[in-house]
Protein backbone atom coordinates (compact mmCIF):
# COMPACT_ATOMS: atom_id res chain seq x y z
CA GLN A 1 -53.81 12.87 -36.95
CA VAL A 2 -51.04 10.59 -35.72
CA HIS A 3 -48.43 12.28 -33.54
CA LEU A 4 -44.94 11.00 -32.80
CA VAL A 5 -42.84 12.64 -30.09
CA GLU A 6 -39.16 11.87 -29.65
CA SER A 7 -37.23 12.29 -26.42
CA GLY A 8 -33.94 11.28 -24.87
CA GLY A 9 -31.52 13.19 -27.05
CA GLY A 10 -28.62 15.12 -25.65
CA LEU A 11 -24.86 15.43 -25.37
CA VAL A 12 -22.77 12.34 -24.76
CA GLN A 13 -19.06 11.54 -24.93
CA PRO A 14 -17.65 9.15 -27.54
CA GLY A 15 -18.10 5.58 -26.39
CA GLY A 16 -21.06 6.53 -24.26
CA SER A 17 -24.67 5.45 -24.46
CA LEU A 18 -28.00 7.12 -24.99
CA ARG A 19 -31.56 5.87 -25.16
CA LEU A 20 -34.12 7.54 -27.39
CA SER A 21 -37.86 7.07 -27.09
CA CYS A 22 -40.66 7.71 -29.55
CA ALA A 23 -44.12 8.08 -28.01
CA ALA A 24 -47.03 7.54 -30.36
CA SER A 25 -50.52 8.99 -30.02
CA GLU A 26 -51.94 5.64 -31.09
CA SER A 27 -51.09 2.03 -30.38
CA ILE A 28 -47.76 1.08 -31.89
CA PHE A 29 -49.42 -2.12 -33.06
CA SER A 30 -51.64 -0.10 -35.37
CA PHE A 31 -48.56 0.60 -37.50
CA ASN A 32 -47.08 -1.92 -39.87
CA ALA A 33 -43.60 -0.70 -39.01
CA MET A 34 -41.81 1.95 -37.03
CA ALA A 35 -38.31 3.20 -37.57
CA TRP A 36 -35.60 5.62 -36.57
CA TYR A 37 -33.92 7.86 -39.11
CA ARG A 38 -31.21 10.44 -38.64
CA GLN A 39 -29.95 13.46 -40.51
CA ALA A 40 -26.57 15.05 -39.94
CA PRO A 41 -25.71 18.57 -41.11
CA GLY A 42 -25.10 18.61 -44.85
CA LYS A 43 -26.27 15.03 -45.30
CA GLN A 44 -29.45 13.31 -46.40
CA ARG A 45 -31.77 11.63 -43.96
CA GLU A 46 -30.86 7.97 -43.56
CA LEU A 47 -32.49 4.91 -42.06
CA VAL A 48 -30.99 3.78 -38.76
CA ALA A 49 -33.25 0.95 -37.62
CA ARG A 50 -36.71 -0.43 -38.30
CA ILE A 51 -39.06 -2.70 -36.37
CA THR A 52 -42.29 -4.34 -37.54
CA SER A 53 -45.45 -4.80 -35.51
CA GLY A 54 -44.37 -8.42 -35.14
CA GLY A 55 -41.11 -7.40 -33.50
CA SER A 56 -38.67 -8.09 -36.33
CA GLY A 57 -35.79 -5.63 -36.34
CA ASP A 58 -33.52 -4.42 -39.12
CA TYR A 59 -30.46 -2.18 -38.86
CA ALA A 60 -28.24 -0.08 -41.03
CA ASP A 61 -24.72 -1.46 -41.34
CA PHE A 62 -23.16 1.54 -39.64
CA VAL A 63 -25.08 0.92 -36.40
CA LYS A 64 -25.36 -2.87 -36.41
CA GLY A 65 -24.08 -4.30 -33.16
CA ARG A 66 -24.22 -0.93 -31.42
CA PHE A 67 -27.87 0.14 -31.61
CA THR A 68 -30.98 -1.79 -30.62
CA ILE A 69 -34.57 -0.91 -31.53
CA SER A 70 -37.36 -2.19 -29.30
CA ARG A 71 -40.99 -1.69 -28.37
CA ASP A 72 -42.13 -0.41 -25.00
CA ASN A 73 -45.79 -1.34 -24.70
CA ALA A 74 -46.23 0.26 -21.28
CA GLU A 75 -45.17 3.64 -22.66
CA ASN A 76 -46.81 3.08 -26.06
CA ALA A 77 -43.43 3.82 -27.55
CA VAL A 78 -40.53 2.58 -29.61
CA SER A 79 -37.03 3.02 -28.24
CA LEU A 80 -33.55 3.13 -29.70
CA GLN A 81 -30.73 2.09 -27.38
CA MET A 82 -27.48 3.53 -28.68
CA ASN A 83 -24.20 2.20 -27.36
CA SER A 84 -20.57 2.84 -28.28
CA LEU A 85 -21.52 6.18 -29.74
CA LYS A 86 -19.19 7.87 -32.20
CA PRO A 87 -18.89 11.52 -33.21
CA GLU A 88 -20.27 10.57 -36.63
CA ASP A 89 -23.49 9.52 -34.91
CA THR A 90 -24.17 13.19 -34.25
CA ALA A 91 -27.44 14.05 -35.96
CA VAL A 92 -31.09 14.83 -35.47
CA TYR A 93 -32.88 11.55 -34.93
CA TYR A 94 -36.44 11.18 -36.23
CA CYS A 95 -39.13 8.68 -35.39
CA ASN A 96 -41.07 7.26 -38.31
CA ALA A 97 -44.22 5.16 -38.56
CA ASP A 98 -45.83 3.49 -41.55
CA ARG A 99 -49.42 2.35 -41.89
CA PHE A 100 -50.84 0.55 -44.90
CA LEU A 101 -54.51 1.22 -45.57
CA TYR A 102 -57.02 -0.07 -48.09
CA ALA A 103 -56.08 -0.40 -51.77
CA GLY A 104 -52.40 -0.41 -50.87
CA ILE A 105 -52.42 3.20 -49.70
CA ARG A 106 -49.48 4.03 -47.46
CA ARG A 107 -49.46 6.64 -44.74
CA THR A 108 -46.16 7.82 -43.30
CA TYR A 109 -45.75 9.86 -40.13
CA TRP A 110 -42.75 11.68 -38.69
CA GLY A 111 -41.78 13.12 -35.35
CA GLN A 112 -40.10 16.50 -34.97
CA GLY A 113 -36.75 14.97 -34.11
CA THR A 114 -34.37 15.00 -31.18
CA GLN A 115 -30.76 16.19 -31.28
CA VAL A 116 -27.99 13.73 -30.46
CA THR A 117 -24.50 15.16 -30.11
CA VAL A 118 -21.48 12.94 -29.56
CA SER A 119 -18.47 15.01 -28.58
CA SER A 120 -15.64 15.19 -26.07
């Protein structure tokens, strides 16, 4: 079974920065794509950023220019650098990984999440 473990969450003031990391039990290159999602209280889970095995990144409009997703090969992980944080960024952030198998079968894996709180 694939395991994803998030870390780096915590409390930060508005305008501050935080770096999240997602450590995978397998090579990150064995996944077609990895992504960060978040879910705030009372809201649905939403996509924050996605990165392919080739290194192409994609971002939600509400984080574009503030967040950066990247791969850390040495740590076998995918990171999310969050800058200029806003109170509305407060949420549980989840790591996600997709793997496409034979016959177009898709396998999706999730981490347990890490809490990010942006408050004065």
